[in-house]
């Protein structure tokens, strides 16, 4: 996992590389090729999160309008597909291998004291965030990146649920899918309703064996190890306070609301 993380960072920094090119238009989206690149960047004041200035990974602002940058897009796309393939085999070896059956629905609302539902919501949110970040580095505008990023996040989570539907000992869980879509939808909603940016989902993972807690009785992957996971909602109190009251609350302290569990089997 460390190797994947380092590759992710390197690729995103490479995605800031400028390409000398001209502009063609394909299906309403500008595509750069061959000459001088003149990027119309979104004003920095328009690219924020909860009132804090944002940047794409090369330290610049995103394009004001979608204009694909071929080399960064190719790099990010290759990495994205490679990551999905790696995740597929990770899940396949843990859950789907030698467990195939006919597609069916099977509700598991009681699983893991509902900690897994928070995990599905976070998964939808995080995959949308990663997808959006890749699209931004590839030349998409902030509007398009967040919109299509949320669709990509929901699509990936839905794909996992469909694969679960063929499992012999489990199936497509409607409640899991609802939370998958909720996570992706919340990511998209933060773009259109900036107030929601004051609420940020986070995930804490601390292996249960390090604290002498029992391991979860299910296929062992860190993604599905809910005995070791706590899911948080970080609330930016400072940003929500009226200007006259901000002096009473340090800007670096957020309120964290968390939910987790342990000692459950499945």
Protein backbone atom coordinates (compact mmCIF):
# COMPACT_ATOMS: atom_id res chain seq x y z
CA UNK A 1 0.00 0.00 0.00
CA UNK A 2 2.90 2.41 0.67
CA UNK A 3 4.16 1.78 -2.87
CA UNK A 4 0.73 2.64 -4.31
CA UNK A 5 0.63 5.81 -2.21
CA UNK A 6 4.05 6.99 -3.41
CA UNK A 7 3.17 6.24 -7.03
CA UNK A 8 -0.05 8.22 -6.58
CA UNK A 9 1.87 11.26 -5.29
CA UNK A 10 4.48 11.09 -8.07
CA UNK A 11 1.87 10.80 -10.80
CA UNK A 12 -0.11 13.71 -9.50
CA UNK A 13 2.94 15.93 -9.41
CA UNK A 14 3.78 14.84 -12.94
CA UNK A 15 0.23 15.72 -13.92
CA UNK A 16 1.11 19.37 -13.43
CA UNK A 17 3.50 19.23 -16.42
CA UNK A 18 2.63 21.81 -19.06
CA UNK A 19 2.27 20.57 -22.61
CA UNK A 20 2.91 22.77 -25.64
CA UNK A 21 -0.21 22.46 -27.72
CA UNK A 22 -3.02 23.93 -29.73
CA UNK A 23 -6.71 23.48 -29.03
CA UNK A 24 -9.17 21.27 -30.87
CA UNK A 25 -12.73 20.60 -29.76
CA UNK A 26 -14.13 17.10 -29.48
CA UNK A 27 -17.71 16.63 -28.26
CA UNK A 28 -17.70 20.02 -26.58
CA UNK A 29 -14.48 19.40 -24.62
CA UNK A 30 -11.28 21.16 -25.63
CA UNK A 31 -8.32 18.87 -26.27
CA UNK A 32 -4.78 20.20 -26.39
CA UNK A 33 -2.28 19.16 -29.06
CA UNK A 34 1.05 20.37 -30.43
CA UNK A 35 1.82 24.21 -29.87
CA UNK A 36 1.66 26.65 -26.97
CA UNK A 37 -0.67 25.92 -24.09
CA UNK A 38 -2.64 28.92 -22.86
CA UNK A 39 -4.62 27.74 -19.87
CA UNK A 40 -7.48 29.91 -18.62
CA UNK A 41 -7.28 29.20 -14.89
CA UNK A 42 -10.07 29.53 -12.38
CA UNK A 43 -9.55 32.50 -10.07
CA UNK A 44 -7.99 31.36 -6.81
CA UNK A 45 -10.81 32.87 -4.75
CA UNK A 46 -13.24 30.59 -6.56
CA UNK A 47 -11.41 27.37 -5.68
CA UNK A 48 -11.77 26.87 -1.93
CA UNK A 49 -12.91 24.28 0.58
CA UNK A 50 -14.66 25.49 3.72
CA UNK A 51 -13.20 28.93 3.15
CA UNK A 52 -9.63 27.63 2.73
CA UNK A 53 -7.72 28.09 -0.53
CA UNK A 54 -7.39 24.91 -2.59
CA UNK A 55 -4.89 23.96 -5.29
CA UNK A 56 -4.46 21.01 -7.59
CA UNK A 57 -1.38 18.93 -6.88
CA UNK A 58 1.04 20.99 -8.97
CA UNK A 59 0.18 24.04 -6.88
CA UNK A 60 -1.92 25.79 -9.53
CA UNK A 61 -5.63 26.41 -9.92
CA UNK A 62 -7.84 24.24 -12.15
CA UNK A 63 -8.91 25.26 -15.61
CA UNK A 64 -11.81 27.68 -15.80
CA UNK A 65 -13.29 25.52 -18.55
CA UNK A 66 -12.56 21.88 -19.29
CA UNK A 67 -9.57 21.59 -21.61
CA UNK A 68 -7.98 18.15 -21.62
CA UNK A 69 -4.20 18.01 -21.13
CA UNK A 70 -3.24 14.83 -23.03
CA UNK A 71 -0.05 13.78 -21.23
CA UNK A 72 -1.30 14.31 -17.65
CA UNK A 73 -4.63 12.75 -18.62
CA UNK A 74 -2.88 9.66 -20.02
CA UNK A 75 -0.73 9.30 -16.89
CA UNK A 76 -3.62 9.78 -14.49
CA UNK A 77 -5.88 7.51 -16.54
CA UNK A 78 -3.30 4.73 -16.61
CA UNK A 79 -2.78 4.97 -12.87
CA UNK A 80 -6.52 5.09 -12.21
CA UNK A 81 -7.21 1.97 -14.26
CA UNK A 82 -4.24 0.20 -12.67
CA UNK A 83 -5.52 1.03 -9.20
CA UNK A 84 -9.00 -0.28 -10.01
CA UNK A 85 -7.50 -3.52 -11.34
CA UNK A 86 -5.41 -3.90 -8.17
CA UNK A 87 -8.47 -3.29 -5.99
CA UNK A 88 -10.45 -5.79 -8.05
CA UNK A 89 -7.93 -8.57 -7.45
CA UNK A 90 -7.66 -7.64 -3.77
CA UNK A 91 -11.43 -7.97 -3.37
CA UNK A 92 -11.58 -11.03 -5.61
CA UNK A 93 -9.02 -12.94 -3.56
CA UNK A 94 -10.66 -11.90 -0.29
CA UNK A 95 -14.37 -12.22 -1.13
CA UNK A 96 -15.26 -13.47 -4.59
CA UNK A 97 -12.79 -16.27 -5.36
CA UNK A 98 -14.41 -19.72 -5.37
CA UNK A 99 -17.64 -18.21 -4.00
CA UNK A 100 -19.47 -17.49 -7.25
CA UNK A 101 -23.17 -18.21 -7.61
CA UNK A 102 -26.24 -16.72 -9.22
CA UNK A 103 -26.83 -13.01 -8.73
CA UNK A 104 -29.15 -12.34 -5.81
CA UNK A 105 -30.04 -9.73 -3.22
CA UNK A 106 -29.26 -10.24 0.46
CA UNK A 107 -29.75 -7.53 3.05
CA UNK A 108 -27.07 -7.28 5.78
CA UNK A 109 -28.23 -4.30 7.81
CA UNK A 110 -27.13 -5.90 11.08
CA UNK A 111 -23.57 -6.56 9.88
CA UNK A 112 -20.74 -5.19 12.05
CA UNK A 113 -23.08 -3.06 14.16
CA UNK A 114 -23.62 -0.90 11.05
CA UNK A 115 -19.99 0.23 11.10
CA UNK A 116 -19.76 -1.14 7.56
CA UNK A 117 -22.49 1.30 6.47
CA UNK A 118 -20.27 4.20 7.50
CA UNK A 119 -17.48 2.45 5.59
CA UNK A 120 -19.57 2.26 2.44
CA UNK A 121 -20.48 5.94 2.70
CA UNK A 122 -16.83 6.88 3.21
CA UNK A 123 -15.84 4.65 0.27
CA UNK A 124 -18.25 6.43 -2.04
CA UNK A 125 -17.01 9.82 -0.83
CA UNK A 126 -13.31 8.96 -1.05
CA UNK A 127 -13.49 7.34 -4.49
CA UNK A 128 -15.35 10.43 -5.73
CA UNK A 129 -12.69 12.69 -4.24
CA UNK A 130 -9.83 10.71 -5.82
CA UNK A 131 -11.59 10.60 -9.18
CA UNK A 132 -12.28 14.34 -9.08
CA UNK A 133 -8.64 15.08 -8.20
CA UNK A 134 -7.49 13.04 -11.18
CA UNK A 135 -9.87 14.86 -13.50
CA UNK A 136 -8.69 18.24 -12.21
CA UNK A 137 -5.07 17.29 -12.93
CA UNK A 138 -6.14 16.16 -16.40
CA UNK A 139 -7.58 19.55 -17.32
CA UNK A 140 -11.21 19.32 -16.24
CA UNK A 141 -12.86 22.37 -14.74
CA UNK A 142 -13.84 22.23 -11.05
CA UNK A 143 -17.52 21.94 -11.97
CA UNK A 144 -16.97 19.06 -14.38
CA UNK A 145 -14.38 17.30 -12.19
CA UNK A 146 -16.64 17.18 -9.14
CA UNK A 147 -19.69 16.15 -11.17
CA UNK A 148 -18.00 13.35 -13.08
CA UNK A 149 -15.87 12.42 -10.07
CA UNK A 150 -19.02 11.71 -8.05
CA UNK A 151 -20.40 9.59 -10.89
CA UNK A 152 -17.14 7.63 -11.06
CA UNK A 153 -17.12 7.11 -7.30
CA UNK A 154 -20.70 5.84 -7.26
CA UNK A 155 -20.01 3.65 -10.31
CA UNK A 156 -17.03 1.94 -8.70
CA UNK A 157 -18.90 1.28 -5.45
CA UNK A 158 -21.86 -0.06 -7.44
CA UNK A 159 -19.54 -2.39 -9.33
CA UNK A 160 -18.29 -3.85 -6.03
CA UNK A 161 -21.87 -4.36 -4.83
CA UNK A 162 -22.81 -6.11 -8.08
CA UNK A 163 -19.84 -8.45 -7.67
CA UNK A 164 -21.01 -9.16 -4.11
CA UNK A 165 -24.37 -10.10 -5.62
CA UNK A 166 -22.74 -13.18 -7.15
CA UNK A 167 -21.26 -14.30 -3.82
CA UNK A 168 -22.43 -17.64 -2.52
CA UNK A 169 -22.49 -16.58 1.15
CA UNK A 170 -23.62 -12.99 0.63
CA UNK A 171 -25.34 -10.92 -2.01
CA UNK A 172 -26.11 -7.45 -3.30
CA UNK A 173 -27.08 -5.55 -0.15
CA UNK A 174 -29.48 -2.67 -0.91
CA UNK A 175 -28.54 -0.80 2.27
CA UNK A 176 -24.83 -1.04 1.44
CA UNK A 177 -25.53 0.43 -2.00
CA UNK A 178 -27.66 3.24 -0.56
CA UNK A 179 -24.74 4.31 1.61
CA UNK A 180 -22.32 3.97 -1.33
CA UNK A 181 -24.44 6.39 -3.34
CA UNK A 182 -24.96 8.64 -0.33
CA UNK A 183 -21.19 9.07 0.06
CA UNK A 184 -20.75 9.98 -3.60
CA UNK A 185 -23.80 12.22 -3.47
CA UNK A 186 -22.49 14.04 -0.42
CA UNK A 187 -19.23 14.74 -2.24
CA UNK A 188 -21.17 16.25 -5.15
CA UNK A 189 -23.45 18.18 -2.78
CA UNK A 190 -20.41 19.84 -1.17
CA UNK A 191 -19.67 21.44 -4.55
CA UNK A 192 -23.16 22.87 -5.02
CA UNK A 193 -23.86 23.64 -1.34
CA UNK A 194 -20.60 25.10 0.05
CA UNK A 195 -21.92 25.05 3.64
CA UNK A 196 -21.58 21.23 3.56
CA UNK A 197 -17.82 21.65 3.16
CA UNK A 198 -17.75 22.31 6.89
CA UNK A 199 -18.42 18.58 7.38
CA UNK A 200 -15.60 16.30 6.21
CA UNK A 201 -15.77 12.46 6.42
CA UNK A 202 -12.59 10.83 7.68
CA UNK A 203 -11.41 7.28 8.35
CA UNK A 204 -9.15 6.06 11.14
CA UNK A 205 -7.59 2.60 10.86
CA UNK A 206 -5.75 1.03 13.80
CA UNK A 207 -5.23 -2.76 13.52
CA UNK A 208 -7.20 -4.50 16.25
CA UNK A 209 -4.36 -6.91 17.09
CA UNK A 210 -2.24 -3.96 18.17
CA UNK A 211 -4.70 -3.34 21.00
CA UNK A 212 -5.38 -7.02 21.79
CA UNK A 213 -8.90 -6.76 20.37
CA UNK A 214 -10.29 -9.73 18.42
CA UNK A 215 -9.91 -9.85 14.66
CA UNK A 216 -13.05 -9.69 12.60
CA UNK A 217 -14.35 -13.07 11.44
CA UNK A 218 -14.56 -12.38 7.70
CA UNK A 219 -12.15 -12.22 4.76
CA UNK A 220 -9.17 -10.27 6.04
CA UNK A 221 -8.55 -7.04 4.15
CA UNK A 222 -7.85 -3.69 5.78
CA UNK A 223 -10.75 -2.16 3.81
CA UNK A 224 -13.25 -4.54 5.43
CA UNK A 225 -11.64 -4.81 8.87
CA UNK A 226 -14.32 -2.93 10.78
CA UNK A 227 -12.99 -4.00 14.18
CA UNK A 228 -10.03 -1.75 13.40
CA UNK A 229 -11.90 1.16 11.83
CA UNK A 230 -13.48 4.31 13.17
CA UNK A 231 -15.32 6.70 10.88
CA UNK A 232 -15.39 10.37 11.73
CA UNK A 233 -17.23 13.49 10.68
CA UNK A 234 -14.93 16.48 11.19
CA UNK A 235 -16.92 19.67 11.79
CA UNK A 236 -15.27 23.03 11.06
CA UNK A 237 -16.74 25.09 13.87
CA UNK A 238 -14.52 28.10 13.22
CA UNK A 239 -15.66 28.54 9.64
CA UNK A 240 -19.33 28.46 10.65
CA UNK A 241 -19.02 31.08 13.39
CA UNK A 242 -19.95 34.73 12.75
CA UNK A 243 -16.86 36.92 12.26
CA UNK A 244 -17.32 38.60 15.63
CA UNK A 245 -17.22 35.22 17.42
CA UNK A 246 -14.29 33.63 15.58
CA UNK A 247 -11.83 35.00 18.14
CA UNK A 248 -13.33 32.65 20.73
CA UNK A 249 -12.62 29.45 18.77
CA UNK A 250 -9.14 28.42 17.46
CA UNK A 251 -9.20 27.89 13.69
CA UNK A 252 -7.13 24.70 14.05
CA UNK A 253 -9.63 22.86 16.27
CA UNK A 254 -12.47 20.93 14.64
CA UNK A 255 -15.19 18.97 16.37
CA UNK A 256 -14.95 15.26 15.59
CA UNK A 257 -17.93 12.93 15.72
CA UNK A 258 -16.92 9.29 15.38
CA UNK A 259 -18.48 5.85 15.24
CA UNK A 260 -16.78 2.48 15.50
CA UNK A 261 -17.08 -0.90 17.13
CA UNK A 262 -15.12 -3.97 18.11
CA UNK A 263 -15.46 -7.54 19.30
CA UNK A 264 -18.07 -8.34 16.66
CA UNK A 265 -17.57 -11.35 14.43
CA UNK A 266 -19.09 -10.53 11.04
